[in-house]
Amino acid sequence: MIPQDKSAAVTRGLREAFGVSECEDMRMMTKGHTTAIVLRIVVRGKAYLLRIIMRPNAKIGPARHFNCMKAAADAGIAPHVWCTSVEDEISITDFVEEVPFPRTEALVLMPAALRTLHALEPFCRVEDAYNTTCTFLLHKGTAVEDFIGKFQAAKVLSKEETEKLLGWRAQVVDAYPHDEENMVSSHNDLFKPDNTLFDGRRVWLVDWEAAFLNDRYVDLAVVSNLIVTNEAEGEIYLQKYFGQPADEYQQARFFVMQQIVHMFYAMVYLYFASFGGPVDWNEEAPEFYEFHRRMCGGEVNLADQRAKVDFGKVHWNKLSENMRGSRFDDALRVVSGRH
């Protein structure tokens, strides 16, 4: 299970954390989609999580990854960290025994966890080219223009639909603010339900490889896709985050970011899905909230080709639905008016 070239590194980690050179038990964790090797290990009768990074990149980790993870652990929203090694690219943390996470509890606990996360000392920034979140679409420059060109060339949407999508993006780029007040320490990878663990009492956020300083509304919008199903729940969700009912500006900015999220995942996942062949639009996509319910239940694996197609479709359909009314224009007007 442990690659030969990582064996010495794991031994060093075990000695640093626990003063032992081997563990009593070890099994591969198969849940989730990651390039890392993730193992449940047992030392002195207690379970821990050993993570071995297999995709090193000096610009995006592992130093940033580990620093963010430690800060979150100190704040009580990530499992305790026993050992990290930037050189060996491994970490050992507490293992969380999961139980089902009822959506009604998630509506209260998740915004509270995000509030704690976003109050941490600022994480470091990343270059635009390494921004793996929806705010990538808000930037101008070579990286985003190259991606848009590839998306257009893939022809996953009709010419008319592609022009509508890019028109909506242009509106957001012009109106959405880039203000330091709302740049906060962010997880940035919570669209994957596997990165949120619930032990029956507390929420734990894991897998901090994508963490960096970002717009607070990114984490808020992404998590809302998993647990918020109507406007009333959205009001509860935002109230738990802000500590009081969201004002007009906060609601508008949240709604605009939700649409940016839909644009981003529609573009990214339909583009990646096109590698496996043309996207068949005659196959009906699942309903948005039902698809995310199945994701949270572990029934959907975004590594699968069909899941990629469905994920892109449900976000495109939800974006198209939300653009039929006047709410998007109203929200843009409120957001741009503040700035």
C-alpha atoms as a PDB file:
ATOM      1  CA  MET A   1       0.000   0.000   0.000  1.00  0.00           C
ATOM      2  CA  ILE A   2       2.919   2.320   0.699  1.00  0.00           C
ATOM      3  CA  PRO A   3       5.163   2.904  -2.330  1.00  0.00           C
ATOM      4  CA  GLN A   4       8.713   1.755  -1.750  1.00  0.00           C
ATOM      5  CA  ASP A   5      10.111   5.236  -2.246  1.00  0.00           C
ATOM      6  CA  LYS A   6       7.810   6.535   0.533  1.00  0.00           C
ATOM      7  CA  SER A   7       8.497   3.786   3.074  1.00  0.00           C
ATOM      8  CA  ALA A   8      11.346   5.581   4.840  1.00  0.00           C
ATOM      9  CA  ALA A   9       9.301   8.794   4.947  1.00  0.00           C
ATOM     10  CA  VAL A  10       6.390   7.019   6.647  1.00  0.00           C
ATOM     11  CA  THR A  11       8.749   5.464   9.191  1.00  0.00           C
ATOM     12  CA  ARG A  12      10.164   8.901  10.000  1.00  0.00           C
ATOM     13  CA  GLY A  13       6.646  10.264  10.407  1.00  0.00           C
ATOM     14  CA  LEU A  14       5.614   7.478  12.783  1.00  0.00           C
ATOM     15  CA  ARG A  15       8.723   8.037  14.895  1.00  0.00           C
ATOM     16  CA  GLU A  16       8.158  11.784  15.053  1.00  0.00           C
ATOM     17  CA  ALA A  17       4.491  11.461  15.954  1.00  0.00           C
ATOM     18  CA  PHE A  18       4.419   8.409  18.208  1.00  0.00           C
ATOM     19  CA  GLY A  19       7.981   7.147  18.763  1.00  0.00           C
ATOM     20  CA  VAL A  20       7.306   3.910  16.841  1.00  0.00           C
ATOM     21  CA  SER A  21       8.626   2.636  13.521  1.00  0.00           C
ATOM     22  CA  GLU A  22       5.548   0.727  12.386  1.00  0.00           C
ATOM     23  CA  CYS A  23       1.813   0.646  12.930  1.00  0.00           C
ATOM     24  CA  GLU A  24      -0.381  -2.202  14.154  1.00  0.00           C
ATOM     25  CA  ASP A  25      -2.859  -2.075  11.291  1.00  0.00           C
ATOM     26  CA  MET A  26      -3.236  -0.288   7.981  1.00  0.00           C
ATOM     27  CA  ARG A  27      -5.964  -0.102   5.362  1.00  0.00           C
ATOM     28  CA  MET A  28      -6.543   1.987   2.280  1.00  0.00           C
ATOM     29  CA  MET A  29      -9.304   4.591   2.375  1.00  0.00           C
ATOM     30  CA  THR A  30     -11.230   4.312  -0.871  1.00  0.00           C
ATOM     31  CA  LYS A  31     -13.785   7.050  -0.274  1.00  0.00           C
ATOM     32  CA  GLY A  32     -13.301  10.226  -2.280  1.00  0.00           C
ATOM     33  CA  HIS A  33     -11.420  11.195  -5.390  1.00  0.00           C
ATOM     34  CA  THR A  34      -7.815  12.196  -4.786  1.00  0.00           C
ATOM     35  CA  THR A  35      -4.359  11.552  -6.199  1.00  0.00           C
ATOM     36  CA  ALA A  36      -2.981  11.132  -2.665  1.00  0.00           C
ATOM     37  CA  ILE A  37      -2.591   7.803  -0.897  1.00  0.00           C
ATOM     38  CA  VAL A  38      -4.848   7.941   2.164  1.00  0.00           C
ATOM     39  CA  LEU A  39      -4.540   5.241   4.814  1.00  0.00           C
ATOM     40  CA  ARG A  40      -6.230   4.486   8.122  1.00  0.00           C
ATOM     41  CA  ILE A  41      -3.503   3.352  10.465  1.00  0.00           C
ATOM     42  CA  VAL A  42      -3.634   2.083  14.054  1.00  0.00           C
ATOM     43  CA  VAL A  43      -0.942   2.920  16.591  1.00  0.00           C
ATOM     44  CA  ARG A  44      -1.210   1.776  20.210  1.00  0.00           C
ATOM     45  CA  GLY A  45      -4.826   0.857  19.608  1.00  0.00           C
ATOM     46  CA  LYS A  46      -5.926   4.241  18.260  1.00  0.00           C
ATOM     47  CA  ALA A  47      -6.797   5.084  14.656  1.00  0.00           C
ATOM     48  CA  TYR A  48      -5.082   7.879  12.724  1.00  0.00           C
ATOM     49  CA  LEU A  49      -5.059   9.070   9.126  1.00  0.00           C
ATOM     50  CA  LEU A  50      -1.862   8.892   7.103  1.00  0.00           C
ATOM     51  CA  ARG A  51      -1.836  10.934   3.909  1.00  0.00           C
ATOM     52  CA  ILE A  52       0.929  10.632   1.304  1.00  0.00           C
ATOM     53  CA  ILE A  53       0.975  13.330  -1.354  1.00  0.00           C
ATOM     54  CA  MET A  54       1.623  11.891  -4.815  1.00  0.00           C
ATOM     55  CA  ARG A  55       1.211  15.085  -6.863  1.00  0.00           C
ATOM     56  CA  PRO A  56       3.982  17.415  -5.713  1.00  0.00           C
ATOM     57  CA  ASN A  57       4.048  20.961  -7.009  1.00  0.00           C
ATOM     58  CA  ALA A  58       6.242  23.578  -5.394  1.00  0.00           C
ATOM     59  CA  LYS A  59       3.804  26.394  -6.205  1.00  0.00           C
ATOM     60  CA  ILE A  60       0.666  24.867  -4.708  1.00  0.00           C
ATOM     61  CA  GLY A  61       1.905  22.695  -1.833  1.00  0.00           C
ATOM     62  CA  PRO A  62       2.633  20.919   0.384  1.00  0.00           C
ATOM     63  CA  ALA A  63       3.869  23.766   2.646  1.00  0.00           C
ATOM     64  CA  ARG A  64       0.739  25.849   2.034  1.00  0.00           C
ATOM     65  CA  HIS A  65      -1.438  22.750   2.421  1.00  0.00           C
ATOM     66  CA  PHE A  66       0.069  21.852   5.804  1.00  0.00           C
ATOM     67  CA  ASN A  67       0.085  25.412   7.152  1.00  0.00           C
ATOM     68  CA  CYS A  68      -3.612  25.833   6.361  1.00  0.00           C
ATOM     69  CA  MET A  69      -4.452  22.426   7.821  1.00  0.00           C
ATOM     70  CA  LYS A  70      -2.625  23.214  11.067  1.00  0.00           C
ATOM     71  CA  ALA A  71      -4.363  26.575  11.418  1.00  0.00           C
ATOM     72  CA  ALA A  72      -7.746  24.914  10.928  1.00  0.00           C
ATOM     73  CA  ALA A  73      -6.880  22.164  13.416  1.00  0.00           C
ATOM     74  CA  ASP A  74      -5.866  24.760  16.022  1.00  0.00           C
ATOM     75  CA  ALA A  75      -9.273  26.401  15.484  1.00  0.00           C
ATOM     76  CA  GLY A  76     -11.071  23.093  16.039  1.00  0.00           C
ATOM     77  CA  ILE A  77     -12.469  22.610  12.547  1.00  0.00           C
ATOM     78  CA  ALA A  78      -9.874  20.101  11.261  1.00  0.00           C
ATOM     79  CA  PRO A  79      -8.608  16.913  12.938  1.00  0.00           C
ATOM     80  CA  HIS A  80      -5.602  17.220  15.250  1.00  0.00           C
ATOM     81  CA  VAL A  81      -2.298  17.177  13.364  1.00  0.00           C
ATOM     82  CA  TRP A  82       0.367  14.824  14.730  1.00  0.00           C
ATOM     83  CA  CYS A  83       2.990  15.120  12.045  1.00  0.00           C
ATOM     84  CA  THR A  84       3.658  16.890   8.751  1.00  0.00           C
ATOM     85  CA  SER A  85       6.735  16.804   6.556  1.00  0.00           C
ATOM     86  CA  VAL A  86       7.067  19.127   3.585  1.00  0.00           C
ATOM     87  CA  GLU A  87      10.183  17.270   2.452  1.00  0.00           C
ATOM     88  CA  ASP A  88       8.595  13.809   2.713  1.00  0.00           C
ATOM     89  CA  GLU A  89       5.142  15.034   1.644  1.00  0.00           C
ATOM     90  CA  ILE A  90       3.236  13.162   4.341  1.00  0.00           C
ATOM     91  CA  SER A  91       0.905  14.047   7.181  1.00  0.00           C
ATOM     92  CA  ILE A  92      -0.600  12.160  10.107  1.00  0.00           C
ATOM     93  CA  THR A  93      -3.808  13.394  11.734  1.00  0.00           C
ATOM     94  CA  ASP A  94      -6.548  12.062  13.967  1.00  0.00           C
ATOM     95  CA  PHE A  95      -8.979   9.698  12.244  1.00  0.00           C
ATOM     96  CA  VAL A  96     -12.624  10.765  12.356  1.00  0.00           C
ATOM     97  CA  GLU A  97     -15.217   8.008  12.734  1.00  0.00           C
ATOM     98  CA  GLU A  98     -18.044   9.257  10.536  1.00  0.00           C
ATOM     99  CA  VAL A  99     -21.762   8.982  11.061  1.00  0.00           C
ATOM    100  CA  PRO A 100     -24.502  10.162   8.652  1.00  0.00           C
ATOM    101  CA  PHE A 101     -24.771  13.952   8.525  1.00  0.00           C
ATOM    102  CA  PRO A 102     -28.465  14.987   8.484  1.00  0.00           C
ATOM    103  CA  ARG A 103     -29.066  17.938   6.194  1.00  0.00           C
ATOM    104  CA  THR A 104     -31.044  19.727   8.910  1.00  0.00           C
ATOM    105  CA  GLU A 105     -27.975  19.673  11.148  1.00  0.00           C
ATOM    106  CA  ALA A 106     -25.684  20.610   8.272  1.00  0.00           C
ATOM    107  CA  LEU A 107     -27.736  23.777   7.697  1.00  0.00           C
ATOM    108  CA  VAL A 108     -26.682  24.922  11.171  1.00  0.00           C
ATOM    109  CA  LEU A 109     -23.221  23.398  11.642  1.00  0.00           C
ATOM    110  CA  MET A 110     -21.706  24.044   8.215  1.00  0.00           C
ATOM    111  CA  PRO A 111     -22.155  27.844   8.144  1.00  0.00           C
ATOM    112  CA  ALA A 112     -20.800  27.970  11.706  1.00  0.00           C
ATOM    113  CA  ALA A 113     -17.701  26.014  10.615  1.00  0.00           C
ATOM    114  CA  LEU A 114     -17.236  28.339   7.638  1.00  0.00           C
ATOM    115  CA  ARG A 115     -17.542  31.346   9.923  1.00  0.00           C
ATOM    116  CA  THR A 116     -14.714  29.966  12.079  1.00  0.00           C
ATOM    117  CA  LEU A 117     -12.599  29.165   9.033  1.00  0.00           C
ATOM    118  CA  HIS A 118     -13.049  32.579   7.469  1.00  0.00           C
ATOM    119  CA  ALA A 119     -12.030  34.281  10.734  1.00  0.00           C
ATOM    120  CA  LEU A 120      -8.569  32.640  10.725  1.00  0.00           C
ATOM    121  CA  GLU A 121      -5.429  34.637  10.075  1.00  0.00           C
ATOM    122  CA  PRO A 122      -5.235  35.111   6.293  1.00  0.00           C
ATOM    123  CA  PHE A 123      -3.963  32.170   4.272  1.00  0.00           C
ATOM    124  CA  CYS A 124      -1.506  32.940   1.480  1.00  0.00           C
ATOM    125  CA  ARG A 125      -2.634  33.931  -2.011  1.00  0.00           C
ATOM    126  CA  VAL A 126      -2.134  31.932  -5.189  1.00  0.00           C
ATOM    127  CA  GLU A 127      -1.444  33.006  -8.747  1.00  0.00           C
ATOM    128  CA  ASP A 128      -4.462  33.158 -11.054  1.00  0.00           C
ATOM    129  CA  ALA A 129      -3.225  30.114 -12.993  1.00  0.00           C
ATOM    130  CA  TYR A 130      -3.382  28.015  -9.790  1.00  0.00           C
ATOM    131  CA  ASN A 131      -6.839  29.178  -8.719  1.00  0.00           C
ATOM    132  CA  THR A 132      -8.951  26.020  -8.925  1.00  0.00           C
ATOM    133  CA  THR A 133     -12.154  27.734  -7.831  1.00  0.00           C
ATOM    134  CA  CYS A 134     -14.911  29.640  -9.601  1.00  0.00           C
ATOM    135  CA  THR A 135     -13.184  32.997  -8.989  1.00  0.00           C
ATOM    136  CA  PHE A 136     -10.775  31.920 -11.721  1.00  0.00           C
ATOM    137  CA  LEU A 137     -13.499  33.033 -14.153  1.00  0.00           C
ATOM    138  CA  LEU A 138     -13.461  36.550 -12.708  1.00  0.00           C
ATOM    139  CA  HIS A 139      -9.873  37.178 -13.733  1.00  0.00           C
ATOM    140  CA  LYS A 140      -8.574  38.529 -17.005  1.00  0.00           C
ATOM    141  CA  GLY A 141      -5.455  37.291 -18.722  1.00  0.00           C
ATOM    142  CA  THR A 142      -3.865  34.418 -20.573  1.00  0.00           C
ATOM    143  CA  ALA A 143      -4.883  31.576 -18.252  1.00  0.00           C
ATOM    144  CA  VAL A 144      -8.621  32.245 -18.302  1.00  0.00           C
ATOM    145  CA  GLU A 145      -8.674  33.209 -21.980  1.00  0.00           C
ATOM    146  CA  ASP A 146      -6.903  29.954 -22.878  1.00  0.00           C
ATOM    147  CA  PHE A 147      -9.488  27.968 -20.926  1.00  0.00           C
ATOM    148  CA  ILE A 148     -12.406  29.801 -22.544  1.00  0.00           C
ATOM    149  CA  GLY A 149     -10.893  29.136 -25.971  1.00  0.00           C
ATOM    150  CA  LYS A 150     -10.613  25.415 -25.206  1.00  0.00           C
ATOM    151  CA  PHE A 151     -14.187  25.341 -23.909  1.00  0.00           C
ATOM    152  CA  GLN A 152     -15.480  26.975 -27.092  1.00  0.00           C
ATOM    153  CA  ALA A 153     -13.459  24.586 -29.260  1.00  0.00           C
ATOM    154  CA  ALA A 154     -14.922  21.560 -27.427  1.00  0.00           C
ATOM    155  CA  LYS A 155     -18.437  22.626 -28.556  1.00  0.00           C
ATOM    156  CA  VAL A 156     -20.146  21.059 -25.553  1.00  0.00           C
ATOM    157  CA  LEU A 157     -22.889  23.713 -25.800  1.00  0.00           C
ATOM    158  CA  SER A 158     -24.494  25.136 -28.915  1.00  0.00           C
ATOM    159  CA  LYS A 159     -23.013  28.351 -30.296  1.00  0.00           C
ATOM    160  CA  GLU A 160     -26.013  30.303 -29.008  1.00  0.00           C
ATOM    161  CA  GLU A 161     -25.770  28.804 -25.511  1.00  0.00           C
ATOM    162  CA  THR A 162     -22.012  29.378 -25.381  1.00  0.00           C
ATOM    163  CA  GLU A 163     -22.512  33.026 -26.288  1.00  0.00           C
ATOM    164  CA  LYS A 164     -25.146  33.370 -23.538  1.00  0.00           C
ATOM    165  CA  LEU A 165     -22.807  31.793 -20.996  1.00  0.00           C
ATOM    166  CA  LEU A 166     -19.891  34.029 -21.916  1.00  0.00           C
ATOM    167  CA  GLY A 167     -22.208  37.049 -21.908  1.00  0.00           C
ATOM    168  CA  TRP A 168     -23.268  36.248 -18.345  1.00  0.00           C
ATOM    169  CA  ARG A 169     -19.616  35.879 -17.371  1.00  0.00           C
ATOM    170  CA  ALA A 170     -18.798  39.273 -18.886  1.00  0.00           C
ATOM    171  CA  GLN A 171     -21.563  40.878 -16.826  1.00  0.00           C
ATOM    172  CA  VAL A 172     -20.193  39.358 -13.630  1.00  0.00           C
ATOM    173  CA  VAL A 173     -16.585  40.320 -14.399  1.00  0.00           C
ATOM    174  CA  ASP A 174     -17.691  43.935 -14.854  1.00  0.00           C
ATOM    175  CA  ALA A 175     -19.896  44.092 -11.755  1.00  0.00           C
ATOM    176  CA  TYR A 176     -18.418  41.776  -9.122  1.00  0.00           C
ATOM    177  CA  PRO A 177     -16.090  43.528  -6.632  1.00  0.00           C
ATOM    178  CA  HIS A 178     -12.528  42.567  -5.788  1.00  0.00           C
ATOM    179  CA  ASP A 179     -12.448  43.915  -2.234  1.00  0.00           C
ATOM    180  CA  GLU A 180     -10.034  42.923   0.522  1.00  0.00           C
ATOM    181  CA  GLU A 181     -12.785  42.981   3.154  1.00  0.00           C
ATOM    182  CA  ASN A 182     -14.224  39.749   1.774  1.00  0.00           C
ATOM    183  CA  MET A 183     -10.913  38.000   1.024  1.00  0.00           C
ATOM    184  CA  VAL A 184     -10.647  35.360   3.756  1.00  0.00           C
ATOM    185  CA  SER A 185      -8.980  32.058   4.564  1.00  0.00           C
ATOM    186  CA  SER A 186     -10.908  29.554   2.453  1.00  0.00           C
ATOM    187  CA  HIS A 187     -10.995  25.786   1.994  1.00  0.00           C
ATOM    188  CA  ASN A 188     -11.980  26.005  -1.692  1.00  0.00           C
ATOM    189  CA  ASP A 189     -12.703  22.286  -2.170  1.00  0.00           C
ATOM    190  CA  LEU A 190     -15.933  21.715  -0.284  1.00  0.00           C
ATOM    191  CA  PHE A 191     -17.979  20.851  -3.362  1.00  0.00           C
ATOM    192  CA  LYS A 192     -16.711  17.330  -2.591  1.00  0.00           C
ATOM    193  CA  PRO A 193     -18.827  15.943   0.280  1.00  0.00           C
ATOM    194  CA  ASP A 194     -15.902  13.698   1.263  1.00  0.00           C
ATOM    195  CA  ASN A 195     -14.046  16.735   2.566  1.00  0.00           C
ATOM    196  CA  THR A 196     -16.652  17.272   5.289  1.00  0.00           C
ATOM    197  CA  LEU A 197     -16.770  14.714   8.107  1.00  0.00           C
ATOM    198  CA  PHE A 198     -19.387  14.523  10.860  1.00  0.00           C
ATOM    199  CA  ASP A 199     -18.776  12.505  14.027  1.00  0.00           C
ATOM    200  CA  GLY A 200     -22.297  12.919  15.424  1.00  0.00           C
ATOM    201  CA  ARG A 201     -21.415  16.084  17.283  1.00  0.00           C
ATOM    202  CA  ARG A 202     -18.904  18.173  15.362  1.00  0.00           C
ATOM    203  CA  VAL A 203     -17.973  19.005  11.779  1.00  0.00           C
ATOM    204  CA  TRP A 204     -14.421  18.404  10.586  1.00  0.00           C
ATOM    205  CA  LEU A 205     -13.038  19.777   7.328  1.00  0.00           C
ATOM    206  CA  VAL A 206     -10.281  17.746   5.663  1.00  0.00           C
ATOM    207  CA  ASP A 207      -8.057  17.755   2.556  1.00  0.00           C
ATOM    208  CA  TRP A 208      -6.570  21.261   2.608  1.00  0.00           C
ATOM    209  CA  GLU A 209      -4.546  21.038  -0.624  1.00  0.00           C
ATOM    210  CA  ALA A 210      -6.688  23.690  -2.354  1.00  0.00           C
ATOM    211  CA  ALA A 211      -6.815  26.128   0.577  1.00  0.00           C
ATOM    212  CA  PHE A 212      -5.794  29.747  -0.007  1.00  0.00           C
ATOM    213  CA  LEU A 213      -7.046  33.307   0.449  1.00  0.00           C
ATOM    214  CA  ASN A 214     -10.270  33.719  -1.509  1.00  0.00           C
ATOM    215  CA  ASP A 215     -13.644  35.455  -1.610  1.00  0.00           C
ATOM    216  CA  ARG A 216     -15.718  34.340   1.407  1.00  0.00           C
ATOM    217  CA  TYR A 217     -18.747  33.761  -0.803  1.00  0.00           C
ATOM    218  CA  VAL A 218     -17.017  30.918  -2.689  1.00  0.00           C
ATOM    219  CA  ASP A 219     -17.103  28.447   0.223  1.00  0.00           C
ATOM    220  CA  LEU A 220     -20.578  29.707   1.141  1.00  0.00           C
ATOM    221  CA  ALA A 221     -21.979  29.198  -2.354  1.00  0.00           C
ATOM    222  CA  VAL A 222     -20.341  25.821  -2.944  1.00  0.00           C
ATOM    223  CA  VAL A 223     -21.530  24.337   0.351  1.00  0.00           C
ATOM    224  CA  SER A 224     -25.032  25.702  -0.210  1.00  0.00           C
ATOM    225  CA  ASN A 225     -25.357  23.470  -3.291  1.00  0.00           C
ATOM    226  CA  LEU A 226     -25.123  20.440  -1.010  1.00  0.00           C
ATOM    227  CA  ILE A 227     -27.525  21.425   1.748  1.00  0.00           C
ATOM    228  CA  VAL A 228     -29.748  24.385   0.781  1.00  0.00           C
ATOM    229  CA  THR A 229     -32.838  23.474  -1.256  1.00  0.00           C
ATOM    230  CA  ASN A 230     -35.034  26.592  -1.060  1.00  0.00           C
ATOM    231  CA  GLU A 231     -35.003  30.298  -0.193  1.00  0.00           C
ATOM    232  CA  ALA A 232     -36.139  29.772   3.399  1.00  0.00           C
ATOM    233  CA  GLU A 233     -33.258  27.398   4.042  1.00  0.00           C
ATOM    234  CA  GLY A 234     -30.939  29.861   2.332  1.00  0.00           C
ATOM    235  CA  GLU A 235     -31.990  32.557   4.812  1.00  0.00           C
ATOM    236  CA  ILE A 236     -31.299  30.215   7.741  1.00  0.00           C
ATOM    237  CA  TYR A 237     -27.935  29.260   6.256  1.00  0.00           C
ATOM    238  CA  LEU A 238     -26.779  32.871   5.812  1.00  0.00           C
ATOM    239  CA  GLN A 239     -28.113  33.903   9.229  1.00  0.00           C
ATOM    240  CA  LYS A 240     -26.068  31.158  10.913  1.00  0.00           C
ATOM    241  CA  TYR A 241     -22.984  32.356   9.039  1.00  0.00           C
ATOM    242  CA  PHE A 242     -23.334  36.105   9.617  1.00  0.00           C
ATOM    243  CA  GLY A 243     -24.824  35.799  13.105  1.00  0.00           C
ATOM    244  CA  GLN A 244     -27.849  37.822  12.045  1.00  0.00           C
ATOM    245  CA  PRO A 245     -30.220  37.957   9.076  1.00  0.00           C
ATOM    246  CA  ALA A 246     -28.306  38.693   5.863  1.00  0.00           C
ATOM    247  CA  ASP A 247     -28.849  42.189   4.506  1.00  0.00           C
ATOM    248  CA  GLU A 248     -29.741  43.002   0.905  1.00  0.00           C
ATOM    249  CA  TYR A 249     -26.115  43.302  -0.169  1.00  0.00           C
ATOM    250  CA  GLN A 250     -25.068  40.010   1.430  1.00  0.00           C
ATOM    251  CA  GLN A 251     -27.986  38.175  -0.133  1.00  0.00           C
ATOM    252  CA  ALA A 252     -27.251  39.682  -3.547  1.00  0.00           C
ATOM    253  CA  ARG A 253     -23.557  38.895  -3.424  1.00  0.00           C
ATOM    254  CA  PHE A 254     -24.295  35.343  -2.297  1.00  0.00           C
ATOM    255  CA  PHE A 255     -26.745  34.842  -5.173  1.00  0.00           C
ATOM    256  CA  VAL A 256     -24.297  36.217  -7.756  1.00  0.00           C
ATOM    257  CA  MET A 257     -21.542  33.936  -6.447  1.00  0.00           C
ATOM    258  CA  GLN A 258     -23.904  30.959  -6.692  1.00  0.00           C
ATOM    259  CA  GLN A 259     -24.276  31.736 -10.414  1.00  0.00           C
ATOM    260  CA  ILE A 260     -20.500  32.040 -10.820  1.00  0.00           C
ATOM    261  CA  VAL A 261     -20.220  28.601  -9.216  1.00  0.00           C
ATOM    262  CA  HIS A 262     -22.762  27.186 -11.675  1.00  0.00           C
ATOM    263  CA  MET A 263     -20.877  28.748 -14.615  1.00  0.00           C
ATOM    264  CA  PHE A 264     -17.554  27.366 -13.431  1.00  0.00           C
ATOM    265  CA  TYR A 265     -18.663  23.771 -12.790  1.00  0.00           C
ATOM    266  CA  ALA A 266     -20.738  23.662 -15.963  1.00  0.00           C
ATOM    267  CA  MET A 267     -17.755  24.790 -18.035  1.00  0.00           C
ATOM    268  CA  VAL A 268     -15.102  22.688 -16.293  1.00  0.00           C
ATOM    269  CA  TYR A 269     -17.015  19.422 -16.057  1.00  0.00           C
ATOM    270  CA  LEU A 270     -18.605  19.558 -19.492  1.00  0.00           C
ATOM    271  CA  TYR A 271     -15.184  20.358 -20.954  1.00  0.00           C
ATOM    272  CA  PHE A 272     -13.522  17.449 -19.133  1.00  0.00           C
ATOM    273  CA  ALA A 273     -16.428  15.161 -20.012  1.00  0.00           C
ATOM    274  CA  SER A 274     -15.905  15.988 -23.698  1.00  0.00           C
ATOM    275  CA  PHE A 275     -12.552  14.153 -23.574  1.00  0.00           C
ATOM    276  CA  GLY A 276     -14.581  10.936 -23.494  1.00  0.00           C
ATOM    277  CA  GLY A 277     -16.647  11.882 -26.538  1.00  0.00           C
ATOM    278  CA  PRO A 278     -19.447  14.297 -27.468  1.00  0.00           C
ATOM    279  CA  VAL A 279     -21.830  15.253 -24.659  1.00  0.00           C
ATOM    280  CA  ASP A 280     -25.246  13.701 -25.376  1.00  0.00           C
ATOM    281  CA  TRP A 281     -27.888  16.315 -24.585  1.00  0.00           C
ATOM    282  CA  ASN A 282     -30.669  13.876 -25.451  1.00  0.00           C
ATOM    283  CA  GLU A 283     -29.961  12.117 -22.150  1.00  0.00           C
ATOM    284  CA  GLU A 284     -31.873  13.983 -19.467  1.00  0.00           C
ATOM    285  CA  ALA A 285     -29.827  15.275 -16.554  1.00  0.00           C
ATOM    286  CA  PRO A 286     -30.817  14.493 -12.963  1.00  0.00           C
ATOM    287  CA  GLU A 287     -32.639  17.089 -10.875  1.00  0.00           C
ATOM    288  CA  PHE A 288     -30.125  19.452  -9.220  1.00  0.00           C
ATOM    289  CA  TYR A 289     -30.873  18.771  -5.547  1.00  0.00           C
ATOM    290  CA  GLU A 290     -31.425  15.049  -6.077  1.00  0.00           C
ATOM    291  CA  PHE A 291     -28.031  14.782  -7.787  1.00  0.00           C
ATOM    292  CA  HIS A 292     -26.315  16.526  -4.860  1.00  0.00           C
ATOM    293  CA  ARG A 293     -28.217  14.378  -2.358  1.00  0.00           C
ATOM    294  CA  ARG A 294     -26.792  11.336  -4.096  1.00  0.00           C
ATOM    295  CA  MET A 295     -23.323  12.900  -4.063  1.00  0.00           C
ATOM    296  CA  CYS A 296     -23.573  13.417  -0.304  1.00  0.00           C
ATOM    297  CA  GLY A 297     -24.729   9.816   0.070  1.00  0.00           C
ATOM    298  CA  GLY A 298     -21.689   8.472  -1.762  1.00  0.00           C
ATOM    299  CA  GLU A 299     -23.739   7.252  -4.724  1.00  0.00           C
ATOM    300  CA  VAL A 300     -21.948   9.534  -7.226  1.00  0.00           C
ATOM    301  CA  ASN A 301     -18.234   9.459  -8.032  1.00  0.00           C
ATOM    302  CA  LEU A 302     -17.100  12.459 -10.070  1.00  0.00           C
ATOM    303  CA  ALA A 303     -14.215  10.411 -11.428  1.00  0.00           C
ATOM    304  CA  ASP A 304     -16.760   8.538 -13.572  1.00  0.00           C
ATOM    305  CA  GLN A 305     -17.441   9.818 -17.080  1.00  0.00           C
ATOM    306  CA  ARG A 306     -21.226   9.789 -16.698  1.00  0.00           C
ATOM    307  CA  ALA A 307     -20.987  11.618 -13.378  1.00  0.00           C
ATOM    308  CA  LYS A 308     -18.851  14.335 -14.967  1.00  0.00           C
ATOM    309  CA  VAL A 309     -21.454  14.823 -17.681  1.00  0.00           C
ATOM    310  CA  ASP A 310     -24.326  14.921 -15.184  1.00  0.00           C
ATOM    311  CA  PHE A 311     -22.476  17.310 -12.862  1.00  0.00           C
ATOM    312  CA  GLY A 312     -21.823  19.719 -15.715  1.00  0.00           C
ATOM    313  CA  LYS A 313     -25.414  19.430 -16.948  1.00  0.00           C
ATOM    314  CA  VAL A 314     -27.079  20.014 -13.578  1.00  0.00           C
ATOM    315  CA  HIS A 315     -25.055  23.193 -13.074  1.00  0.00           C
ATOM    316  CA  TRP A 316     -25.784  24.414 -16.603  1.00  0.00           C
ATOM    317  CA  ASN A 317     -29.494  23.711 -16.132  1.00  0.00           C
ATOM    318  CA  LYS A 318     -29.585  25.448 -12.745  1.00  0.00           C
ATOM    319  CA  LEU A 319     -27.746  28.472 -14.160  1.00  0.00           C
ATOM    320  CA  SER A 320     -30.151  28.671 -17.115  1.00  0.00           C
ATOM    321  CA  GLU A 321     -33.136  28.403 -14.766  1.00  0.00           C
ATOM    322  CA  ASN A 322     -31.832  31.172 -12.508  1.00  0.00           C
ATOM    323  CA  MET A 323     -31.237  33.481 -15.457  1.00  0.00           C
ATOM    324  CA  ARG A 324     -34.864  33.367 -16.626  1.00  0.00           C
ATOM    325  CA  GLY A 325     -36.058  35.837 -14.003  1.00  0.00           C
ATOM    326  CA  SER A 326     -34.895  39.293 -13.006  1.00  0.00           C
ATOM    327  CA  ARG A 327     -33.121  38.262  -9.808  1.00  0.00           C
ATOM    328  CA  PHE A 328     -29.667  38.021 -11.412  1.00  0.00           C
ATOM    329  CA  ASP A 329     -29.863  41.533 -12.866  1.00  0.00           C
ATOM    330  CA  ASP A 330     -31.242  42.876  -9.586  1.00  0.00           C
ATOM    331  CA  ALA A 331     -28.468  41.210  -7.602  1.00  0.00           C
ATOM    332  CA  LEU A 332     -25.771  42.487  -9.959  1.00  0.00           C
ATOM    333  CA  ARG A 333     -27.180  45.978  -9.593  1.00  0.00           C
ATOM    334  CA  VAL A 334     -27.064  45.794  -5.790  1.00  0.00           C
ATOM    335  CA  VAL A 335     -23.537  44.362  -5.760  1.00  0.00           C
ATOM    336  CA  SER A 336     -22.090  46.819  -8.258  1.00  0.00           C
ATOM    337  CA  GLY A 337     -23.919  49.720  -6.611  1.00  0.00           C
ATOM    338  CA  ARG A 338     -22.061  49.161  -3.333  1.00  0.00           C
ATOM    339  CA  HIS A 339     -18.744  49.586  -5.143  1.00  0.00           C
END
